[in-house]
Amino acid sequence: QVQLVESGGGLVQPGGSLRLSCAASGSIFSINAMGWYRQAPGKQRELIAVIESDGSTNYAASVKGRFTISRDNAKNTVYLQMNGLKPEDTAVYFCNTVPSGKNYWGKGTLVTVSS
């Protein structure tokens, strides 16, 4: 059974930082590109960061330069370091493979950026 479990969300002030974690089952982690997605209230889910199996990364324009995706293959975990957070970053954050696997969605972790 494939599982993805996100953690690390919370309430942070504008300009603050958070690090999200996603623990993945080994059966997908070692061979798939992994990504962080987010869904803001009333908006569609969007892909914001991708890390390939070779470690190369890509980012959506909205987070480039502020967010960093990384992976620890030994721990089957992918991370999202978020710096310079803005109120518009408020969303539920999910990890999944890229392209996303429809049966892999976890519950996500809520990030709220507010003063």
C-alpha atoms as a PDB file:
ATOM      1  CA  GLN A   1       0.000   0.000   0.000  1.00  0.00           C
ATOM      2  CA  VAL A   2       1.498   3.308  -1.075  1.00  0.00           C
ATOM      3  CA  GLN A   3       1.319   6.046   1.508  1.00  0.00           C
ATOM      4  CA  LEU A   4       2.378   9.660   1.543  1.00  0.00           C
ATOM      5  CA  VAL A   5       2.226  11.484   4.862  1.00  0.00           C
ATOM      6  CA  GLU A   6       2.814  15.219   5.016  1.00  0.00           C
ATOM      7  CA  SER A   7       3.762  17.156   8.140  1.00  0.00           C
ATOM      8  CA  GLY A   8       5.276  20.414   9.316  1.00  0.00           C
ATOM      9  CA  GLY A   9       2.545  22.911   8.573  1.00  0.00           C
ATOM     10  CA  GLY A  10       1.351  25.588  10.951  1.00  0.00           C
ATOM     11  CA  LEU A  11       0.713  29.257  11.508  1.00  0.00           C
ATOM     12  CA  VAL A  12       3.558  31.611  10.636  1.00  0.00           C
ATOM     13  CA  GLN A  13       3.909  35.351  10.275  1.00  0.00           C
ATOM     14  CA  PRO A  14       4.661  36.935   6.905  1.00  0.00           C
ATOM     15  CA  GLY A  15       8.366  36.679   6.181  1.00  0.00           C
ATOM     16  CA  GLY A  16       8.712  33.578   8.315  1.00  0.00           C
ATOM     17  CA  SER A  17       9.871  30.081   7.442  1.00  0.00           C
ATOM     18  CA  LEU A  18       8.595  26.527   7.673  1.00  0.00           C
ATOM     19  CA  ARG A  19       9.923  23.159   6.591  1.00  0.00           C
ATOM     20  CA  LEU A  20       7.462  20.572   5.381  1.00  0.00           C
ATOM     21  CA  SER A  21       8.195  16.859   5.287  1.00  0.00           C
ATOM     22  CA  CYS A  22       6.653  14.051   3.272  1.00  0.00           C
ATOM     23  CA  ALA A  23       7.327  10.455   4.225  1.00  0.00           C
ATOM     24  CA  ALA A  24       6.811   8.111   1.290  1.00  0.00           C
ATOM     25  CA  SER A  25       6.705   4.375   0.920  1.00  0.00           C
ATOM     26  CA  GLY A  26       9.808   3.045  -0.746  1.00  0.00           C
ATOM     27  CA  SER A  27       8.019   1.481  -3.660  1.00  0.00           C
ATOM     28  CA  ILE A  28       7.483   4.818  -5.372  1.00  0.00           C
ATOM     29  CA  PHE A  29      10.075   7.063  -3.853  1.00  0.00           C
ATOM     30  CA  SER A  30      13.139   5.577  -5.469  1.00  0.00           C
ATOM     31  CA  ILE A  31      11.901   5.743  -9.041  1.00  0.00           C
ATOM     32  CA  ASN A  32       9.594   8.690  -9.335  1.00  0.00           C
ATOM     33  CA  ALA A  33       9.933  12.379  -9.542  1.00  0.00           C
ATOM     34  CA  MET A  34       8.305  13.837  -6.462  1.00  0.00           C
ATOM     35  CA  GLY A  35       6.513  17.100  -6.116  1.00  0.00           C
ATOM     36  CA  TRP A  36       4.884  19.462  -3.678  1.00  0.00           C
ATOM     37  CA  TYR A  37       1.440  20.698  -4.555  1.00  0.00           C
ATOM     38  CA  ARG A  38      -0.786  23.193  -2.796  1.00  0.00           C
ATOM     39  CA  GLN A  39      -4.432  24.112  -2.788  1.00  0.00           C
ATOM     40  CA  ALA A  40      -5.479  27.507  -1.546  1.00  0.00           C
ATOM     41  CA  PRO A  41      -9.069  28.168  -0.433  1.00  0.00           C
ATOM     42  CA  GLY A  42     -11.345  28.355  -3.444  1.00  0.00           C
ATOM     43  CA  LYS A  43      -8.560  27.539  -5.908  1.00  0.00           C
ATOM     44  CA  GLN A  44      -7.382  24.548  -7.887  1.00  0.00           C
ATOM     45  CA  ARG A  45      -4.529  22.403  -6.659  1.00  0.00           C
ATOM     46  CA  GLU A  46      -1.241  23.466  -8.246  1.00  0.00           C
ATOM     47  CA  LEU A  47       2.205  21.929  -8.574  1.00  0.00           C
ATOM     48  CA  ILE A  48       4.813  24.243  -7.084  1.00  0.00           C
ATOM     49  CA  ALA A  49       8.048  22.244  -6.795  1.00  0.00           C
ATOM     50  CA  VAL A  50       9.488  19.125  -8.408  1.00  0.00           C
ATOM     51  CA  ILE A  51      12.547  17.039  -7.651  1.00  0.00           C
ATOM     52  CA  GLU A  52      13.644  14.368 -10.083  1.00  0.00           C
ATOM     53  CA  SER A  53      15.252  11.086  -9.104  1.00  0.00           C
ATOM     54  CA  ASP A  54      18.613  12.590 -10.117  1.00  0.00           C
ATOM     55  CA  GLY A  55      18.091  15.529  -7.763  1.00  0.00           C
ATOM     56  CA  SER A  56      17.342  18.188 -10.352  1.00  0.00           C
ATOM     57  CA  THR A  57      14.615  20.627  -9.364  1.00  0.00           C
ATOM     58  CA  ASN A  58      12.020  22.934 -10.866  1.00  0.00           C
ATOM     59  CA  TYR A  59       9.752  25.520  -9.291  1.00  0.00           C
ATOM     60  CA  ALA A  60       6.653  27.475 -10.079  1.00  0.00           C
ATOM     61  CA  ALA A  61       7.340  31.155 -10.638  1.00  0.00           C
ATOM     62  CA  SER A  62       5.322  32.049  -7.546  1.00  0.00           C
ATOM     63  CA  VAL A  63       7.737  30.259  -5.201  1.00  0.00           C
ATOM     64  CA  LYS A  64      11.037  30.312  -7.081  1.00  0.00           C
ATOM     65  CA  GLY A  65      13.815  31.806  -4.997  1.00  0.00           C
ATOM     66  CA  ARG A  66      11.872  31.356  -1.752  1.00  0.00           C
ATOM     67  CA  PHE A  67      11.134  27.607  -1.578  1.00  0.00           C
ATOM     68  CA  THR A  68      13.596  24.725  -1.831  1.00  0.00           C
ATOM     69  CA  ILE A  69      12.646  21.109  -2.456  1.00  0.00           C
ATOM     70  CA  SER A  70      14.994  18.319  -1.426  1.00  0.00           C
ATOM     71  CA  ARG A  71      14.901  14.591  -0.857  1.00  0.00           C
ATOM     72  CA  ASP A  72      16.593  12.089   1.428  1.00  0.00           C
ATOM     73  CA  ASN A  73      16.516   8.762  -0.349  1.00  0.00           C
ATOM     74  CA  ALA A  74      17.726   6.881   2.718  1.00  0.00           C
ATOM     75  CA  LYS A  75      14.744   8.134   4.695  1.00  0.00           C
ATOM     76  CA  ASN A  76      12.251   8.025   1.813  1.00  0.00           C
ATOM     77  CA  THR A  77      11.406  11.617   2.642  1.00  0.00           C
ATOM     78  CA  VAL A  78      11.007  14.738   0.569  1.00  0.00           C
ATOM     79  CA  TYR A  79      11.179  18.190   2.103  1.00  0.00           C
ATOM     80  CA  LEU A  80      10.018  21.683   1.251  1.00  0.00           C
ATOM     81  CA  GLN A  81      11.903  24.521   2.899  1.00  0.00           C
ATOM     82  CA  MET A  82       9.769  27.641   2.683  1.00  0.00           C
ATOM     83  CA  ASN A  83      11.316  31.021   3.380  1.00  0.00           C
ATOM     84  CA  GLY A  84       9.946  34.504   2.969  1.00  0.00           C
ATOM     85  CA  LEU A  85       6.390  33.285   3.381  1.00  0.00           C
ATOM     86  CA  LYS A  86       3.575  35.500   2.163  1.00  0.00           C
ATOM     87  CA  PRO A  87      -0.136  35.513   2.982  1.00  0.00           C
ATOM     88  CA  GLU A  88      -0.810  34.187  -0.521  1.00  0.00           C
ATOM     89  CA  ASP A  89       1.161  31.052   0.368  1.00  0.00           C
ATOM     90  CA  THR A  90      -1.673  30.055   2.708  1.00  0.00           C
ATOM     91  CA  ALA A  91      -2.880  26.662   1.512  1.00  0.00           C
ATOM     92  CA  VAL A  92      -3.008  22.964   2.209  1.00  0.00           C
ATOM     93  CA  TYR A  93       0.263  21.459   0.996  1.00  0.00           C
ATOM     94  CA  PHE A  94       0.466  17.949  -0.438  1.00  0.00           C
ATOM     95  CA  CYS A  95       3.208  15.788  -1.835  1.00  0.00           C
ATOM     96  CA  ASN A  96       2.770  13.294  -4.639  1.00  0.00           C
ATOM     97  CA  THR A  97       4.591  11.805  -7.556  1.00  0.00           C
ATOM     98  CA  VAL A  98       4.966  13.843 -10.740  1.00  0.00           C
ATOM     99  CA  PRO A  99       2.736  13.248 -12.633  1.00  0.00           C
ATOM    100  CA  SER A 100       0.483  12.834  -9.639  1.00  0.00           C
ATOM    101  CA  GLY A 101      -0.908   9.458  -8.711  1.00  0.00           C
ATOM    102  CA  LYS A 102      -4.600   9.788  -7.997  1.00  0.00           C
ATOM    103  CA  ASN A 103      -4.509   7.123  -5.311  1.00  0.00           C
ATOM    104  CA  TYR A 104      -1.496   8.623  -3.565  1.00  0.00           C
ATOM    105  CA  TRP A 105      -2.991  11.841  -2.217  1.00  0.00           C
ATOM    106  CA  GLY A 106      -2.570  12.193   1.515  1.00  0.00           C
ATOM    107  CA  LYS A 107      -4.385  14.536   3.869  1.00  0.00           C
ATOM    108  CA  GLY A 108      -1.893  17.329   3.366  1.00  0.00           C
ATOM    109  CA  THR A 109      -0.610  19.812   5.888  1.00  0.00           C
ATOM    110  CA  LEU A 110      -2.095  23.270   6.401  1.00  0.00           C
ATOM    111  CA  VAL A 111       0.126  26.330   6.151  1.00  0.00           C
ATOM    112  CA  THR A 112      -1.360  29.619   7.296  1.00  0.00           C
ATOM    113  CA  VAL A 113       0.592  32.826   6.793  1.00  0.00           C
ATOM    114  CA  SER A 114      -0.914  35.633   8.794  1.00  0.00           C
ATOM    115  CA  SER A 115       0.020  38.357  11.214  1.00  0.00           C
END
